[in-house]
Protein backbone atom coordinates (compact mmCIF):
# COMPACT_ATOMS: atom_id res chain seq x y z
CA MET A 1 0.01 0.29 0.22
CA THR A 2 1.29 3.37 -0.69
CA SER A 3 0.03 6.98 0.15
CA THR A 4 0.99 10.78 -0.62
CA GLY A 5 2.07 10.78 3.00
CA GLY A 6 -1.14 12.94 3.63
CA LYS A 7 -3.15 12.21 6.79
CA PRO A 8 -6.53 10.50 6.19
CA GLY A 9 -9.30 13.74 6.26
CA ASN A 10 -7.14 16.22 5.15
CA THR A 11 -7.35 17.27 1.26
CA ARG A 12 -5.45 18.83 -1.29
CA THR A 13 -6.81 21.33 -4.00
CA GLU A 14 -6.12 19.99 -7.87
CA ARG A 15 -7.15 21.56 -10.56
CA ASP A 16 -8.18 20.29 -14.18
CA SER A 17 -9.93 22.08 -17.51
CA MET A 18 -13.07 22.45 -15.19
CA GLY A 19 -11.38 24.47 -12.40
CA GLU A 20 -10.41 23.68 -9.01
CA ILE A 21 -11.58 20.56 -6.64
CA GLN A 22 -10.60 19.20 -3.70
CA VAL A 23 -8.70 15.50 -3.39
CA PRO A 24 -8.15 13.73 -0.39
CA GLY A 25 -4.97 14.57 0.90
CA ASN A 26 -3.63 10.65 0.64
CA ALA A 27 -4.98 9.67 -2.40
CA LEU A 28 -2.58 9.01 -5.65
CA TYR A 29 -5.53 9.72 -7.88
CA GLY A 30 -6.20 13.29 -8.56
CA ALA A 31 -8.95 15.59 -10.45
CA GLN A 32 -10.57 13.93 -12.89
CA THR A 33 -10.96 10.83 -10.67
CA GLN A 34 -12.77 13.01 -7.89
CA ARG A 35 -14.83 14.37 -10.32
CA ALA A 36 -16.09 10.87 -11.60
CA ALA A 37 -16.14 9.74 -7.98
CA GLU A 38 -18.81 12.38 -7.33
CA ASN A 39 -20.39 12.16 -10.24
CA PHE A 40 -21.26 8.17 -10.35
CA PRO A 41 -22.12 7.25 -6.56
CA ILE A 42 -24.19 4.47 -8.70
CA SER A 43 -23.36 1.02 -6.46
CA ASN A 44 -20.52 -0.93 -4.36
CA LEU A 45 -19.09 -2.56 -7.98
CA ARG A 46 -15.49 -1.24 -8.65
CA PHE A 47 -13.26 -2.74 -11.80
CA PRO A 48 -11.92 -6.38 -10.57
CA ARG A 49 -8.01 -6.85 -9.56
CA GLU A 50 -7.65 -8.38 -13.37
CA PHE A 51 -8.89 -5.16 -15.06
CA ILE A 52 -6.72 -2.82 -12.96
CA ARG A 53 -3.83 -5.20 -13.30
CA ALA A 54 -4.09 -5.15 -17.56
CA LEU A 55 -4.38 -1.10 -17.04
CA GLY A 56 -1.03 -1.47 -15.19
CA LEU A 57 0.68 -3.84 -18.34
CA ILE A 58 -0.79 -1.85 -20.89
CA LYS A 59 1.08 1.59 -19.04
CA LEU A 60 4.02 -0.18 -18.63
CA SER A 61 3.97 -1.64 -22.28
CA ALA A 62 3.23 2.28 -23.65
CA ALA A 63 6.01 3.74 -21.79
CA ARG A 64 8.66 1.27 -23.00
CA ALA A 65 7.15 1.46 -26.50
CA ASN A 66 7.61 5.15 -26.30
CA MET A 67 10.98 4.89 -25.02
CA ASP A 68 11.76 2.56 -27.81
CA LEU A 69 10.48 5.41 -30.06
CA GLY A 70 12.90 8.18 -28.44
CA LEU A 71 9.33 9.61 -27.49
CA LEU A 72 9.84 9.77 -23.60
CA GLU A 73 12.72 10.65 -21.40
CA LYS A 74 14.03 7.82 -19.89
CA LYS A 75 13.62 9.02 -16.28
CA ILE A 76 10.31 9.80 -16.73
CA GLY A 77 9.73 6.40 -18.51
CA ASP A 78 11.60 4.44 -16.09
CA ALA A 79 9.75 6.07 -13.15
CA ILE A 80 6.14 5.21 -15.07
CA VAL A 81 7.02 1.59 -15.43
CA LYS A 82 8.33 1.46 -11.97
CA ALA A 83 4.65 2.85 -10.94
CA SER A 84 2.90 0.87 -13.19
CA GLN A 85 4.71 -2.42 -12.35
CA GLU A 86 3.03 -1.43 -8.50
CA VAL A 87 -0.12 -1.39 -10.11
CA ILE A 88 0.57 -4.94 -11.96
CA ASP A 89 1.46 -6.28 -8.73
CA GLY A 90 -1.73 -4.70 -6.70
CA LYS A 91 0.19 -2.13 -4.60
CA LEU A 92 -2.23 0.46 -5.61
CA ASP A 93 -5.25 -1.02 -5.74
CA GLU A 94 -6.73 0.99 -2.86
CA HIS A 95 -6.71 4.02 -5.45
CA PHE A 96 -8.83 2.75 -8.04
CA VAL A 97 -11.89 4.25 -6.25
CA LEU A 98 -14.36 4.42 -9.14
CA ASP A 99 -17.90 2.92 -9.98
CA ILE A 100 -18.52 0.46 -12.61
CA PHE A 101 -21.53 2.36 -13.74
CA GLN A 102 -19.58 5.58 -15.17
CA THR A 103 -18.44 6.92 -18.58
CA GLY A 104 -19.74 4.27 -21.08
CA SER A 105 -15.76 4.78 -22.66
CA GLY A 106 -14.44 4.06 -19.13
CA THR A 107 -12.26 7.22 -19.55
CA SER A 108 -12.92 7.79 -15.68
CA THR A 109 -11.02 4.71 -14.96
CA ASN A 110 -8.15 5.14 -17.72
CA MET A 111 -7.70 8.76 -15.81
CA ASN A 112 -7.47 7.01 -12.59
CA ALA A 113 -4.97 4.92 -13.98
CA ASN A 114 -2.85 7.62 -15.38
CA GLU A 115 -3.34 9.71 -12.39
CA VAL A 116 -2.68 7.31 -9.63
CA ILE A 117 0.66 6.29 -12.05
CA SER A 118 1.85 9.70 -12.41
CA ASN A 119 1.60 10.74 -8.78
CA ARG A 120 3.34 7.26 -8.19
CA ALA A 121 6.18 8.16 -10.79
CA ILE A 122 6.52 11.81 -9.09
CA GLN A 123 6.96 10.12 -5.80
CA ILE A 124 9.67 7.99 -7.28
CA LEU A 125 11.10 10.80 -8.73
CA GLY A 126 10.91 12.96 -5.22
CA GLY A 127 8.47 15.36 -6.47
CA VAL A 128 5.10 16.69 -5.24
CA VAL A 129 1.85 14.40 -5.62
CA GLY A 130 -1.07 16.49 -7.42
CA SER A 131 1.84 19.01 -8.73
CA LYS A 132 1.80 16.98 -12.57
CA LYS A 133 5.64 17.62 -12.42
CA PRO A 134 7.67 16.08 -13.64
CA VAL A 135 5.25 13.47 -14.84
CA HIS A 136 1.53 14.62 -16.71
CA PRO A 137 -0.82 12.06 -16.55
CA ASN A 138 -1.37 12.62 -19.98
CA ASP A 139 1.53 14.05 -21.63
CA HIS A 140 3.61 10.99 -20.03
CA VAL A 141 1.40 8.09 -18.79
CA ASN A 142 -1.32 8.39 -21.67
CA MET A 143 1.37 9.35 -24.15
CA GLY A 144 0.04 7.96 -27.48
CA GLN A 145 -3.21 6.40 -26.42
CA SER A 146 -6.76 7.31 -25.84
CA SER A 147 -9.31 5.64 -23.53
CA ASN A 148 -11.24 4.57 -26.37
CA ASP A 149 -8.57 1.94 -27.17
CA VAL A 150 -6.62 1.29 -23.66
CA ILE A 151 -10.26 0.21 -22.30
CA PRO A 152 -11.22 -1.98 -24.66
CA SER A 153 -7.87 -3.47 -24.75
CA ALA A 154 -7.83 -3.85 -21.36
CA MET A 155 -10.62 -5.93 -21.30
CA HIS A 156 -9.40 -8.16 -23.97
CA VAL A 157 -6.22 -8.64 -21.49
CA ALA A 158 -7.98 -9.24 -18.58
CA ALA A 159 -10.30 -11.39 -19.80
CA MET A 160 -7.55 -13.48 -21.86
CA GLU A 161 -5.20 -13.53 -18.90
CA SER A 162 -8.02 -14.64 -16.63
CA ILE A 163 -9.47 -17.47 -18.83
CA GLU A 164 -5.74 -18.77 -19.45
CA ARG A 165 -4.86 -18.39 -15.81
CA SER A 166 -7.65 -19.36 -14.24
CA LEU A 167 -10.81 -20.80 -15.98
CA ILE A 168 -9.28 -23.29 -18.40
CA PRO A 169 -6.91 -24.82 -15.47
CA ALA A 170 -9.90 -24.98 -13.22
CA LEU A 171 -12.33 -27.05 -16.29
CA ARG A 172 -9.43 -29.34 -16.60
CA LYS A 173 -9.31 -30.17 -12.99
CA LEU A 174 -12.73 -31.03 -13.42
CA GLN A 175 -12.51 -32.61 -16.21
CA ARG A 176 -10.29 -35.18 -14.33
CA SER A 177 -12.04 -35.65 -11.72
CA LEU A 178 -15.05 -36.52 -14.00
CA ALA A 179 -12.76 -38.62 -16.27
CA ALA A 180 -11.33 -40.52 -13.08
CA LYS A 181 -14.83 -41.49 -11.69
CA ALA A 182 -16.02 -42.65 -15.10
CA LYS A 183 -13.24 -45.20 -15.38
CA GLU A 184 -13.97 -46.30 -11.85
CA PHE A 185 -17.63 -47.05 -12.51
CA ASP A 186 -17.11 -48.21 -15.80
CA SER A 187 -18.09 -51.90 -14.42
CA ILE A 188 -21.27 -50.36 -13.00
CA VAL A 189 -24.35 -51.03 -14.96
CA LYS A 190 -27.40 -48.66 -14.27
CA ILE A 191 -30.70 -48.02 -15.44
CA GLY A 192 -30.66 -45.18 -18.43
CA ARG A 193 -33.15 -42.53 -17.97
CA THR A 194 -34.94 -39.97 -20.78
CA HIS A 195 -37.93 -37.94 -19.93
CA LEU A 196 -37.51 -38.75 -16.74
CA GLN A 197 -38.79 -42.30 -17.28
CA ASP A 198 -37.18 -45.46 -17.58
CA ALA A 199 -34.78 -46.33 -20.40
CA THR A 200 -32.38 -48.53 -21.67
CA PRO A 201 -29.23 -49.32 -19.39
CA VAL A 202 -26.03 -47.75 -19.47
CA ARG A 203 -23.04 -48.07 -17.34
CA LEU A 204 -22.50 -45.29 -15.32
CA GLY A 205 -19.08 -44.68 -16.18
CA GLN A 206 -20.55 -43.59 -19.20
CA GLU A 207 -22.60 -40.91 -17.68
CA PHE A 208 -19.23 -39.42 -15.64
CA GLY A 209 -17.52 -39.90 -19.31
CA GLY A 210 -20.36 -37.59 -21.11
CA TYR A 211 -19.85 -34.94 -18.31
CA ALA A 212 -16.08 -35.31 -18.20
CA ARG A 213 -16.58 -34.94 -22.48
CA GLN A 214 -18.80 -31.49 -21.86
CA MET A 215 -15.54 -30.32 -19.73
CA GLN A 216 -13.28 -31.17 -22.52
CA LEU A 217 -15.14 -29.48 -25.35
CA GLY A 218 -15.54 -26.16 -22.95
CA ILE A 219 -11.99 -26.04 -22.59
CA ARG A 220 -11.23 -26.64 -26.41
CA ARG A 221 -14.03 -23.66 -26.75
CA LEU A 222 -12.10 -21.12 -24.49
CA GLU A 223 -9.01 -22.07 -26.56
CA LYS A 224 -10.68 -20.88 -29.76
CA LEU A 225 -11.48 -17.75 -27.99
CA ARG A 226 -7.36 -16.92 -28.15
CA ASP A 227 -7.54 -15.21 -31.80
CA MET A 228 -10.39 -12.98 -31.41
CA LEU A 229 -9.33 -11.64 -27.71
CA GLY A 230 -5.63 -11.47 -28.98
CA GLU A 231 -6.44 -8.76 -31.27
CA LEU A 232 -5.97 -5.39 -29.59
CA PRO A 233 -7.25 -1.48 -30.42
CA LEU A 234 -4.38 -0.50 -28.82
CA GLY A 235 -2.95 2.63 -31.01
CA GLY A 236 -6.23 3.34 -32.58
CA THR A 237 -6.65 6.68 -30.08
CA ALA A 238 -9.96 8.08 -30.27
CA VAL A 239 -11.80 6.80 -33.41
CA GLY A 240 -9.47 4.34 -34.69
CA THR A 241 -7.56 6.70 -36.78
CA GLY A 242 -4.30 6.60 -34.82
CA ILE A 243 -4.21 10.54 -34.49
CA ASN A 244 -1.62 11.58 -31.80
CA THR A 245 0.14 8.34 -32.21
CA HIS A 246 3.48 7.18 -33.44
CA PRO A 247 2.46 4.74 -36.38
CA LYS A 248 5.03 1.90 -34.86
CA PHE A 249 3.37 2.77 -31.65
CA ALA A 250 0.76 0.06 -31.11
CA ALA A 251 3.46 -3.04 -32.52
CA LYS A 252 5.92 -1.67 -30.17
CA ALA A 253 3.59 -1.72 -27.29
CA ILE A 254 1.84 -4.89 -27.87
CA GLN A 255 5.20 -6.57 -28.55
CA HIS A 256 6.11 -5.38 -24.71
CA LEU A 257 2.71 -6.63 -23.57
CA SER A 258 2.95 -10.30 -25.22
CA LYS A 259 6.41 -10.50 -23.63
CA LEU A 260 4.85 -9.37 -20.14
CA THR A 261 2.28 -11.80 -20.28
CA ASN A 262 3.22 -14.33 -22.27
CA LEU A 263 0.39 -14.59 -24.10
CA LYS A 264 -0.06 -13.95 -27.95
CA PHE A 265 -1.43 -10.39 -28.56
CA ARG A 266 -1.10 -8.52 -31.97
CA GLU A 267 -2.79 -5.16 -33.26
CA ALA A 268 -6.30 -5.28 -34.61
CA GLU A 269 -6.75 -5.77 -38.13
CA ASP A 270 -9.10 -3.13 -38.27
CA HIS A 271 -9.16 -0.53 -35.69
CA PHE A 272 -12.81 1.07 -36.73
CA GLU A 273 -14.02 -2.29 -35.89
CA ALA A 274 -11.99 -3.03 -32.94
CA GLN A 275 -13.30 -0.11 -31.33
CA GLY A 276 -16.65 0.64 -32.73
CA ALA A 277 -17.87 -3.23 -31.76
CA LYS A 278 -17.06 -5.23 -29.04
CA ASP A 279 -18.07 -8.31 -30.50
CA ALA A 280 -15.17 -10.67 -29.47
CA ILE A 281 -16.30 -10.09 -25.72
CA VAL A 282 -19.95 -10.96 -27.04
CA GLU A 283 -18.47 -14.19 -28.37
CA ALA A 284 -16.32 -15.05 -25.25
CA SER A 285 -19.11 -14.17 -23.15
CA GLY A 286 -21.33 -16.37 -25.32
CA VAL A 287 -18.37 -19.31 -24.69
CA LEU A 288 -19.06 -18.72 -20.77
CA LYS A 289 -22.73 -19.15 -21.13
CA THR A 290 -22.31 -22.28 -23.12
CA ILE A 291 -20.26 -23.53 -20.08
CA ALA A 292 -22.44 -22.53 -17.76
CA ALA A 293 -25.29 -24.36 -18.80
CA SER A 294 -22.72 -27.58 -19.40
CA LEU A 295 -22.16 -27.31 -15.31
CA THR A 296 -25.52 -27.09 -14.84
CA LYS A 297 -26.71 -30.15 -16.43
CA ILE A 298 -23.76 -32.27 -14.69
CA ALA A 299 -24.86 -30.46 -11.35
CA ASN A 300 -28.22 -31.57 -11.83
CA ASP A 301 -27.63 -35.01 -12.68
CA ILE A 302 -25.55 -35.30 -10.12
CA ARG A 303 -27.79 -33.81 -7.25
CA TRP A 304 -30.46 -36.17 -9.14
CA LEU A 305 -28.26 -39.19 -8.90
CA GLY A 306 -27.72 -38.77 -5.29
CA SER A 307 -31.32 -37.90 -4.12
CA GLY A 308 -32.64 -40.12 -1.26
CA PRO A 309 -31.09 -41.45 1.14
CA ARG A 310 -34.02 -43.67 1.26
CA CYS A 311 -36.45 -42.73 -0.90
CA GLY A 312 -34.86 -41.18 -4.27
CA ILE A 313 -32.84 -42.39 -7.21
CA GLY A 314 -29.82 -43.14 -4.85
CA GLU A 315 -27.33 -44.71 -7.36
CA ILE A 316 -24.53 -42.44 -5.89
CA HIS A 317 -23.52 -41.24 -2.58
CA LEU A 318 -22.53 -37.52 -2.57
CA PRO A 319 -19.88 -36.11 0.24
CA GLU A 320 -21.75 -34.88 3.19
CA THR A 321 -20.30 -31.37 3.49
CA GLN A 322 -22.59 -29.85 5.89
CA PRO A 323 -26.17 -29.90 8.02
CA GLY A 324 -28.87 -29.28 5.42
CA SER A 325 -31.78 -28.24 7.75
CA SER A 326 -32.33 -26.10 10.38
CA ILE A 327 -35.30 -28.09 11.42
CA MET A 328 -34.74 -31.44 10.17
CA PRO A 329 -32.00 -33.60 12.34
CA GLY A 330 -30.17 -35.54 9.99
CA LYS A 331 -30.43 -34.00 6.76
CA VAL A 332 -28.07 -33.59 4.27
CA ASN A 333 -28.10 -31.56 1.16
CA PRO A 334 -26.72 -31.81 -2.23
CA VAL A 335 -24.96 -27.93 -1.67
CA ILE A 336 -21.93 -28.16 -3.52
CA ALA A 337 -23.91 -28.66 -6.65
CA GLU A 338 -26.52 -26.25 -5.78
CA SER A 339 -23.95 -23.63 -5.62
CA VAL A 340 -22.65 -24.22 -9.25
CA LEU A 341 -26.44 -24.00 -10.39
CA MET A 342 -26.48 -20.65 -8.76
CA ALA A 343 -23.03 -19.51 -10.23
CA ALA A 344 -24.33 -21.05 -13.40
CA ALA A 345 -27.79 -19.23 -13.34
CA GLN A 346 -25.48 -15.77 -12.92
CA VAL A 347 -23.00 -16.26 -15.42
CA ILE A 348 -26.04 -16.77 -18.19
CA GLY A 349 -27.60 -13.57 -16.92
CA ASN A 350 -24.19 -11.84 -16.96
CA ASP A 351 -24.19 -13.15 -20.45
CA LEU A 352 -27.52 -10.95 -21.32
CA ALA A 353 -25.82 -7.32 -19.70
CA VAL A 354 -22.52 -8.42 -22.22
CA THR A 355 -24.82 -8.86 -25.25
CA ILE A 356 -26.55 -5.77 -24.87
CA GLY A 357 -23.84 -3.97 -23.63
CA GLY A 358 -22.27 -4.99 -27.14
CA GLN A 359 -25.11 -3.64 -29.44
CA ALA A 360 -23.66 0.05 -27.78
CA GLY A 361 -21.39 0.50 -30.40
CA VAL A 362 -22.57 3.59 -31.81
CA PHE A 363 -20.29 4.89 -35.00
CA GLU A 364 -16.76 4.97 -33.74
CA LEU A 365 -17.26 3.86 -30.09
CA ASN A 366 -19.00 1.31 -27.97
CA VAL A 367 -20.07 3.25 -24.58
CA MET A 368 -21.06 0.15 -22.49
CA MET A 369 -17.54 -1.08 -21.95
CA PRO A 370 -17.43 -0.93 -17.98
CA VAL A 371 -20.29 -3.10 -18.07
CA MET A 372 -19.24 -5.70 -20.07
CA ALA A 373 -15.63 -5.77 -18.47
CA HIS A 374 -17.38 -6.18 -15.21
CA ASN A 375 -19.58 -8.97 -16.47
CA ILE A 376 -17.51 -11.13 -18.63
CA LEU A 377 -14.75 -11.02 -15.85
CA GLU A 378 -17.16 -12.16 -12.93
CA SER A 379 -18.27 -14.77 -15.29
CA ILE A 380 -14.98 -16.33 -15.34
CA ARG A 381 -14.04 -15.99 -12.03
CA LEU A 382 -17.46 -17.47 -11.22
CA LEU A 383 -16.98 -20.35 -13.52
CA ALA A 384 -13.31 -21.19 -12.51
CA ALA A 385 -14.33 -21.20 -8.57
CA SER A 386 -17.35 -23.60 -9.18
CA ALA A 387 -15.53 -26.13 -11.12
CA ASN A 388 -12.61 -26.18 -8.79
CA ASN A 389 -14.83 -26.32 -5.91
CA PHE A 390 -17.29 -29.50 -7.36
CA ALA A 391 -14.13 -30.97 -8.25
CA ASP A 392 -12.55 -30.96 -4.96
CA ARG A 393 -15.76 -30.72 -2.73
CA CYS A 394 -18.13 -33.08 -4.86
CA ILE A 395 -16.98 -35.04 -7.57
CA SER A 396 -13.72 -36.79 -6.09
CA GLY A 397 -15.56 -37.95 -3.56
CA ILE A 398 -18.52 -39.50 -5.36
CA ASP A 399 -19.12 -43.26 -4.22
CA ALA A 400 -21.37 -45.79 -6.69
CA ASN A 401 -24.12 -47.41 -4.75
CA ARG A 402 -23.79 -50.65 -6.98
CA GLU A 403 -26.58 -52.67 -5.12
CA ARG A 404 -28.92 -50.01 -5.91
CA CYS A 405 -27.71 -49.70 -9.73
CA ASN A 406 -28.37 -53.57 -9.86
CA GLU A 407 -31.95 -53.42 -8.15
CA MET A 408 -33.09 -50.48 -10.73
CA VAL A 409 -32.26 -52.78 -13.71
CA GLU A 410 -33.50 -55.79 -12.32
CA LYS A 411 -36.88 -53.73 -12.12
CA SER A 412 -36.94 -52.11 -15.02
CA LEU A 413 -39.12 -53.12 -17.99
CA ALA A 414 -36.80 -51.25 -20.34
CA MET A 415 -34.81 -54.26 -20.57
CA CYS A 416 -37.12 -55.84 -23.18
CA THR A 417 -36.10 -53.21 -25.66
CA ALA A 418 -33.12 -55.91 -26.64
CA LEU A 419 -35.85 -58.51 -27.12
CA ALA A 420 -37.53 -56.37 -29.99
CA PRO A 421 -35.34 -57.31 -33.22
CA GLU A 422 -35.91 -60.90 -32.18
CA ILE A 423 -39.57 -60.88 -31.21
CA GLY A 424 -40.97 -57.74 -32.54
CA TYR A 425 -41.94 -54.45 -31.68
CA ASP A 426 -45.70 -55.18 -31.63
CA ALA A 427 -44.95 -58.51 -29.45
CA ALA A 428 -43.10 -56.90 -27.09
CA ALA A 429 -45.74 -54.34 -26.86
CA LYS A 430 -48.76 -56.70 -26.55
CA LYS A 431 -50.59 -57.04 -23.40
CA GLN A 432 -49.68 -60.54 -23.27
CA SER A 433 -46.08 -60.22 -24.35
CA LEU A 434 -43.22 -59.48 -22.01
CA ALA A 435 -43.26 -56.07 -20.95
CA PRO A 436 -46.61 -55.72 -19.94
CA ARG A 437 -47.04 -59.06 -18.31
CA ALA A 438 -43.77 -58.18 -15.89
CA ASN A 439 -45.22 -55.11 -15.10
CA GLU A 440 -48.65 -56.54 -14.06
CA GLU A 441 -46.74 -59.87 -12.08
CA ASP A 442 -44.39 -57.24 -10.73
CA ARG A 443 -41.43 -60.05 -12.44
CA ALA A 444 -38.52 -58.65 -12.53
CA ARG A 445 -36.58 -59.22 -15.97
CA PHE A 446 -34.98 -62.58 -15.62
CA LYS A 447 -37.89 -64.30 -14.15
CA ALA A 448 -40.06 -62.97 -16.87
CA ALA A 449 -37.60 -64.26 -19.51
CA ARG A 450 -37.64 -67.86 -18.04
CA ASP A 451 -41.37 -67.61 -18.44
CA TYR A 452 -40.87 -67.40 -22.06
CA MET A 453 -38.21 -70.22 -22.02
CA ILE A 454 -35.65 -67.54 -23.41
CA ARG A 455 -32.46 -68.83 -21.67
CA VAL A 456 -31.02 -66.44 -18.97
CA ASP A 457 -27.55 -66.03 -20.43
CA ASP A 458 -29.14 -65.34 -23.94
CA VAL A 459 -30.97 -62.15 -22.46
CA VAL A 460 -28.34 -61.00 -20.33
CA ARG A 461 -25.67 -60.99 -23.60
CA CYS A 462 -28.30 -59.29 -25.85
CA SER A 463 -28.98 -56.65 -23.52
CA ASN A 464 -25.86 -56.35 -21.96
CA PRO A 465 -25.16 -52.37 -22.00
CA ARG A 466 -21.20 -53.31 -21.71
CA CYS A 467 -21.59 -55.33 -25.24
CA GLY A 468 -21.05 -52.94 -27.87
CA LYS A 469 -22.23 -55.73 -30.68
CA ARG A 470 -25.61 -56.95 -31.32
CA ILE A 471 -25.62 -60.77 -30.43
CA GLN A 472 -27.97 -62.95 -32.17
CA PHE A 473 -30.17 -64.92 -30.55
CA THR A 474 -29.27 -68.75 -29.82
CA CYS A 475 -32.20 -69.77 -28.45
CA GLN A 476 -35.06 -70.66 -30.62
CA SER A 477 -37.71 -71.17 -28.11
CA VAL A 478 -39.52 -67.96 -27.90
CA ALA A 479 -43.06 -68.45 -27.25
CA LEU A 480 -45.36 -65.75 -29.07
CA ILE A 481 -48.70 -65.65 -28.20
């Protein structure tokens, strides 16, 4: 934490193009940030750490690029680099104070970064905070930049870093956990269900294998976003023309940025598209929504399979993590799965906000970037945390109830489906044929098969869910009525 040395409660007078304003004495931000703080007392939502880090990365890279081009004095540039590194490291977070619901370009937050870095650089050089000497927030920290290219670039950098460093590893962990259970449960046959009704048998491992595949495909979708999110509008400045910036600035700054993050970024092919629209963020949010839908399906299945313990499906046992009721002693609920469902619902809601924000590109600029940034980064955090927690506190501790699975298979009439190719669909469906008779007399599959003089081993081989090939009946004594 770094302060100006001023006492809390004291103020200092700063001036901008609109006149004088009082700024907290211990704040590293300046007049423009203070005006924005007064203008937007809307919520308690602030830009997250990932976004502030991205701003620091961009400002540091810009300073190095401008020094490379001979546009920025080395002493000033080095101080900006040091101050920007402190922003990257989270040491100055307390000075980023602005609400998400502000100017739609995010200009207020860009100036918040410029002022904080400027004043911290002034401190490093032994100057007076608020003097704008020898480091000016606009002339030096914002050199070659505009809020209109910095903020959308920060959105891409923050989203890409968060996906690569947080979300993809979390989904890989969950995928591995589900795949391990698929292997563990591969020998367990259970009844399948479609429309919440009995269907033909499957292996419990096959169900978990399907869940693992969903996560694998989710990771693949995220990896495909690298191309779109890797394009940065940096260098387009105000409207995409690159006014007031060196022609080589963007390429050099992005080169430094790629080296700092170890990620592949490049200058946008068309700055007018990159600044006037935020389609890449809308697309990325759509992928996050898809992953949320996948997690919803998995979490729902898991809690249904574990329902009971005595009067539900009960084919698996979920880890017991906490008491479930304030009135019913001994009740334990599938709370981890429920938390996943709620997080997924929030992500799906966030996607709508991002979509509406994406529609707000009017001519050369989108004017809902802060709310888009907030929602997509929240979605990434929610999915990553939920996937990690789901793997650690639920999936890894699931046990199969083999006896219950066997019991359900033996009771089900759906096993008769395997006989349809041999005796015909209509015969199997007639009142006097296998399925209705077993239903009426409450006979299990094996006993019903014996009544029809079909050898048990033939029935088992024909209807065995583990058998990948259709096995012809060798028994000819099928009695049709």
